[in-house]
């Protein structure tokens, strides 16, 4: 079985060679957005069961 490909910086490469800087603003903001969305969903689920 062949290794999966990743698309990064306008080219395809083996996934094992794909590297992202942890300080990349897209990564930082994406992680923050994902965490905030999860917290909002938890709040909505709590409200739904409280009714």
PDB file of N, CA and C in Angstrom:
ATOM      1  N   UNK A   1       0.847  -1.169   0.000  1.00  0.00           N
ATOM      2  CA  UNK A   1       0.000   0.000   0.000  1.00  0.00           C
ATOM      3  C   UNK A   1       0.901   1.243   0.000  1.00  0.00           C
ATOM      4  N   UNK A   2       0.540   2.233  -0.791  1.00  0.00           N
ATOM      5  CA  UNK A   2       1.369   3.436  -0.888  1.00  0.00           C
ATOM      6  C   UNK A   2       1.013   4.427   0.227  1.00  0.00           C
ATOM      7  N   UNK A   3       1.952   5.294   0.513  1.00  0.00           N
ATOM      8  CA  UNK A   3       1.772   6.293   1.560  1.00  0.00           C
ATOM      9  C   UNK A   3       0.762   7.349   1.110  1.00  0.00           C
ATOM     10  N   UNK A   4      -0.069   7.846   2.029  1.00  0.00           N
ATOM     11  CA  UNK A   4      -1.025   8.900   1.663  1.00  0.00           C
ATOM     12  C   UNK A   4      -0.308  10.184   1.264  1.00  0.00           C
ATOM     13  N   UNK A   5      -0.964  10.967   0.410  1.00  0.00           N
ATOM     14  CA  UNK A   5      -0.409  12.240  -0.032  1.00  0.00           C
ATOM     15  C   UNK A   5      -1.029  13.387   0.748  1.00  0.00           C
ATOM     16  N   UNK A   6      -0.262  14.434   0.921  1.00  0.00           N
ATOM     17  CA  UNK A   6      -0.741  15.665   1.552  1.00  0.00           C
ATOM     18  C   UNK A   6      -0.527  16.805   0.560  1.00  0.00           C
ATOM     19  N   UNK A   7      -1.432  17.780   0.560  1.00  0.00           N
ATOM     20  CA  UNK A   7      -1.304  18.957  -0.297  1.00  0.00           C
ATOM     21  C   UNK A   7      -0.889  20.112   0.592  1.00  0.00           C
ATOM     22  N   UNK A   8       0.307  20.637   0.378  1.00  0.00           N
ATOM     23  CA  UNK A   8       0.844  21.697   1.215  1.00  0.00           C
ATOM     24  C   UNK A   8       1.699  22.622   0.366  1.00  0.00           C
ATOM     25  N   UNK A   9       1.505  23.916   0.530  1.00  0.00           N
ATOM     26  CA  UNK A   9       2.285  24.912  -0.228  1.00  0.00           C
ATOM     27  C   UNK A   9       2.212  24.683  -1.738  1.00  0.00           C
ATOM     28  N   UNK A  10       0.995  24.467  -2.199  1.00  0.00           N
ATOM     29  CA  UNK A  10       0.713  24.328  -3.636  1.00  0.00           C
ATOM     30  C   UNK A  10       1.349  23.116  -4.293  1.00  0.00           C
ATOM     31  N   UNK A  11       1.612  22.062  -3.530  1.00  0.00           N
ATOM     32  CA  UNK A  11       2.101  20.834  -4.159  1.00  0.00           C
ATOM     33  C   UNK A  11       1.728  19.624  -3.312  1.00  0.00           C
ATOM     34  N   UNK A  12       1.676  18.469  -3.970  1.00  0.00           N
ATOM     35  CA  UNK A  12       1.422  17.214  -3.289  1.00  0.00           C
ATOM     36  C   UNK A  12       2.743  16.607  -2.862  1.00  0.00           C
ATOM     37  N   UNK A  13       2.751  15.970  -1.686  1.00  0.00           N
ATOM     38  CA  UNK A  13       3.963  15.326  -1.176  1.00  0.00           C
ATOM     39  C   UNK A  13       3.545  14.166  -0.293  1.00  0.00           C
ATOM     40  N   UNK A  14       4.445  13.217  -0.032  1.00  0.00           N
ATOM     41  CA  UNK A  14       4.104  12.153   0.918  1.00  0.00           C
ATOM     42  C   UNK A  14       3.759  12.765   2.282  1.00  0.00           C
ATOM     43  N   UNK A  15       2.761  12.231   2.933  1.00  0.00           N
ATOM     44  CA  UNK A  15       2.303  12.792   4.212  1.00  0.00           C
ATOM     45  C   UNK A  15       3.423  12.836   5.248  1.00  0.00           C
ATOM     46  N   UNK A  16       4.348  11.908   5.206  1.00  0.00           N
ATOM     47  CA  UNK A  16       5.435  11.897   6.187  1.00  0.00           C
ATOM     48  C   UNK A  16       6.398  13.065   6.010  1.00  0.00           C
ATOM     49  N   UNK A  17       6.376  13.713   4.846  1.00  0.00           N
ATOM     50  CA  UNK A  17       7.268  14.847   4.587  1.00  0.00           C
ATOM     51  C   UNK A  17       6.581  16.194   4.807  1.00  0.00           C
ATOM     52  N   UNK A  18       5.277  16.197   5.017  1.00  0.00           N
ATOM     53  CA  UNK A  18       4.531  17.443   5.204  1.00  0.00           C
ATOM     54  C   UNK A  18       4.795  17.972   6.609  1.00  0.00           C
ATOM     55  N   UNK A  19       5.276  19.187   6.702  1.00  0.00           N
ATOM     56  CA  UNK A  19       5.604  19.812   7.987  1.00  0.00           C
ATOM     57  C   UNK A  19       4.920  21.170   8.081  1.00  0.00           C
ATOM     58  N   UNK A  20       4.352  21.464   9.242  1.00  0.00           N
ATOM     59  CA  UNK A  20       3.732  22.761   9.509  1.00  0.00           C
ATOM     60  C   UNK A  20       4.401  23.386  10.721  1.00  0.00           C
ATOM     61  N   UNK A  21       4.607  24.676  10.650  1.00  0.00           N
ATOM     62  CA  UNK A  21       5.152  25.426  11.777  1.00  0.00           C
ATOM     63  C   UNK A  21       4.035  25.590  12.806  1.00  0.00           C
ATOM     64  N   UNK A  22       4.281  25.227  14.057  1.00  0.00           N
ATOM     65  CA  UNK A  22       3.221  25.321  15.067  1.00  0.00           C
ATOM     66  C   UNK A  22       2.834  26.755  15.378  1.00  0.00           C
ATOM     67  N   UNK A  23       3.635  27.712  14.975  1.00  0.00           N
ATOM     68  CA  UNK A  23       3.321  29.116  15.193  1.00  0.00           C
ATOM     69  C   UNK A  23       2.629  29.743  13.982  1.00  0.00           C
ATOM     70  N   UNK A  24       2.326  28.951  12.963  1.00  0.00           N
ATOM     71  CA  UNK A  24       1.620  29.428  11.783  1.00  0.00           C
ATOM     72  C   UNK A  24       0.262  29.964  12.224  1.00  0.00           C
ATOM     73  N   UNK A  25      -0.075  31.181  11.828  1.00  0.00           N
ATOM     74  CA  UNK A  25      -1.301  31.825  12.285  1.00  0.00           C
ATOM     75  C   UNK A  25      -2.551  31.027  11.898  1.00  0.00           C
ATOM     76  N   UNK A  26      -2.541  30.407  10.747  1.00  0.00           N
ATOM     77  CA  UNK A  26      -3.689  29.586  10.335  1.00  0.00           C
ATOM     78  C   UNK A  26      -3.900  28.410  11.260  1.00  0.00           C
ATOM     79  N   UNK A  27      -2.818  27.812  11.713  1.00  0.00           N
ATOM     80  CA  UNK A  27      -2.915  26.680  12.642  1.00  0.00           C
ATOM     81  C   UNK A  27      -3.394  27.169  14.010  1.00  0.00           C
ATOM     82  N   UNK A  28      -2.815  28.242  14.488  1.00  0.00           N
ATOM     83  CA  UNK A  28      -3.174  28.777  15.805  1.00  0.00           C
ATOM     84  C   UNK A  28      -4.642  29.203  15.829  1.00  0.00           C
ATOM     85  N   UNK A  29      -5.067  29.967  14.839  1.00  0.00           N
ATOM     86  CA  UNK A  29      -6.453  30.429  14.814  1.00  0.00           C
ATOM     87  C   UNK A  29      -7.418  29.291  14.547  1.00  0.00           C
ATOM     88  N   UNK A  30      -7.021  28.338  13.729  1.00  0.00           N
ATOM     89  CA  UNK A  30      -7.875  27.181  13.458  1.00  0.00           C
ATOM     90  C   UNK A  30      -8.113  26.357  14.710  1.00  0.00           C
ATOM     91  N   UNK A  31      -7.068  26.146  15.506  1.00  0.00           N
ATOM     92  CA  UNK A  31      -7.206  25.401  16.755  1.00  0.00           C
ATOM     93  C   UNK A  31      -8.108  26.160  17.725  1.00  0.00           C
ATOM     94  N   UNK A  32      -7.951  27.463  17.789  1.00  0.00           N
ATOM     95  CA  UNK A  32      -8.770  28.279  18.684  1.00  0.00           C
ATOM     96  C   UNK A  32     -10.229  28.232  18.262  1.00  0.00           C
ATOM     97  N   UNK A  33     -10.481  28.353  16.973  1.00  0.00           N
ATOM     98  CA  UNK A  33     -11.850  28.312  16.467  1.00  0.00           C
ATOM     99  C   UNK A  33     -12.494  26.966  16.756  1.00  0.00           C
ATOM    100  N   UNK A  34     -11.739  25.891  16.560  1.00  0.00           N
ATOM    101  CA  UNK A  34     -12.267  24.556  16.809  1.00  0.00           C
ATOM    102  C   UNK A  34     -12.617  24.376  18.288  1.00  0.00           C
ATOM    103  N   UNK A  35     -11.747  24.835  19.169  1.00  0.00           N
ATOM    104  CA  UNK A  35     -12.009  24.717  20.613  1.00  0.00           C
ATOM    105  C   UNK A  35     -13.220  25.549  21.013  1.00  0.00           C
ATOM    106  N   UNK A  36     -13.332  26.762  20.484  1.00  0.00           N
ATOM    107  CA  UNK A  36     -14.474  27.616  20.809  1.00  0.00           C
ATOM    108  C   UNK A  36     -15.777  27.004  20.303  1.00  0.00           C
ATOM    109  N   UNK A  37     -15.752  26.428  19.108  1.00  0.00           N
ATOM    110  CA  UNK A  37     -16.956  25.801  18.552  1.00  0.00           C
ATOM    111  C   UNK A  37     -17.374  24.609  19.411  1.00  0.00           C
ATOM    112  N   UNK A  38     -16.419  23.826  19.877  1.00  0.00           N
ATOM    113  CA  UNK A  38     -16.733  22.674  20.728  1.00  0.00           C
ATOM    114  C   UNK A  38     -17.371  23.134  22.035  1.00  0.00           C
ATOM    115  N   UNK A  39     -16.871  24.222  22.607  1.00  0.00           N
ATOM    116  CA  UNK A  39     -17.445  24.746  23.855  1.00  0.00           C
ATOM    117  C   UNK A  39     -18.873  25.224  23.622  1.00  0.00           C
ATOM    118  N   UNK A  40     -19.114  25.869  22.483  1.00  0.00           N
ATOM    119  CA  UNK A  40     -20.465  26.346  22.174  1.00  0.00           C
ATOM    120  C   UNK A  40     -21.421  25.173  22.020  1.00  0.00           C
ATOM    121  N   UNK A  41     -20.976  24.108  21.357  1.00  0.00           N
ATOM    122  CA  UNK A  41     -21.830  22.929  21.175  1.00  0.00           C
ATOM    123  C   UNK A  41     -22.139  22.269  22.502  1.00  0.00           C
ATOM    124  N   UNK A  42     -21.165  22.198  23.397  1.00  0.00           N
ATOM    125  CA  UNK A  42     -21.415  21.631  24.723  1.00  0.00           C
ATOM    126  C   UNK A  42     -22.485  22.432  25.447  1.00  0.00           C
ATOM    127  N   UNK A  43     -22.438  23.754  25.340  1.00  0.00           N
ATOM    128  CA  UNK A  43     -23.428  24.609  25.973  1.00  0.00           C
ATOM    129  C   UNK A  43     -24.825  24.386  25.399  1.00  0.00           C
ATOM    130  N   UNK A  44     -24.913  24.218  24.084  1.00  0.00           N
ATOM    131  CA  UNK A  44     -26.216  23.980  23.448  1.00  0.00           C
ATOM    132  C   UNK A  44     -26.796  22.634  23.872  1.00  0.00           C
ATOM    133  N   UNK A  45     -25.936  21.615  23.979  1.00  0.00           N
ATOM    134  CA  UNK A  45     -26.413  20.294  24.405  1.00  0.00           C
ATOM    135  C   UNK A  45     -26.922  20.359  25.839  1.00  0.00           C
ATOM    136  N   UNK A  46     -26.241  21.094  26.703  1.00  0.00           N
ATOM    137  CA  UNK A  46     -26.676  21.232  28.095  1.00  0.00           C
ATOM    138  C   UNK A  46     -28.033  21.920  28.163  1.00  0.00           C
ATOM    139  N   UNK A  47     -28.241  22.953  27.349  1.00  0.00           N
ATOM    140  CA  UNK A  47     -29.523  23.659  27.330  1.00  0.00           C
ATOM    141  C   UNK A  47     -30.634  22.759  26.820  1.00  0.00           C
ATOM    142  N   UNK A  48     -30.342  21.937  25.814  1.00  0.00           N
ATOM    143  CA  UNK A  48     -31.365  21.048  25.240  1.00  0.00           C
ATOM    144  C   UNK A  48     -31.843  20.037  26.275  1.00  0.00           C
ATOM    145  N   UNK A  49     -30.940  19.519  27.101  1.00  0.00           N
ATOM    146  CA  UNK A  49     -31.333  18.532  28.100  1.00  0.00           C
ATOM    147  C   UNK A  49     -31.975  19.170  29.325  1.00  0.00           C
ATOM    148  N   UNK A  50     -31.761  20.462  29.535  1.00  0.00           N
ATOM    149  CA  UNK A  50     -32.324  21.146  30.687  1.00  0.00           C
ATOM    150  C   UNK A  50     -33.803  21.462  30.499  1.00  0.00           C
ATOM    151  N   UNK A  51     -34.280  21.428  29.261  1.00  0.00           N
ATOM    152  CA  UNK A  51     -35.669  21.799  28.976  1.00  0.00           C
ATOM    153  C   UNK A  51     -36.631  20.753  29.484  1.00  0.00           C
TER     154      UNK A  51
END
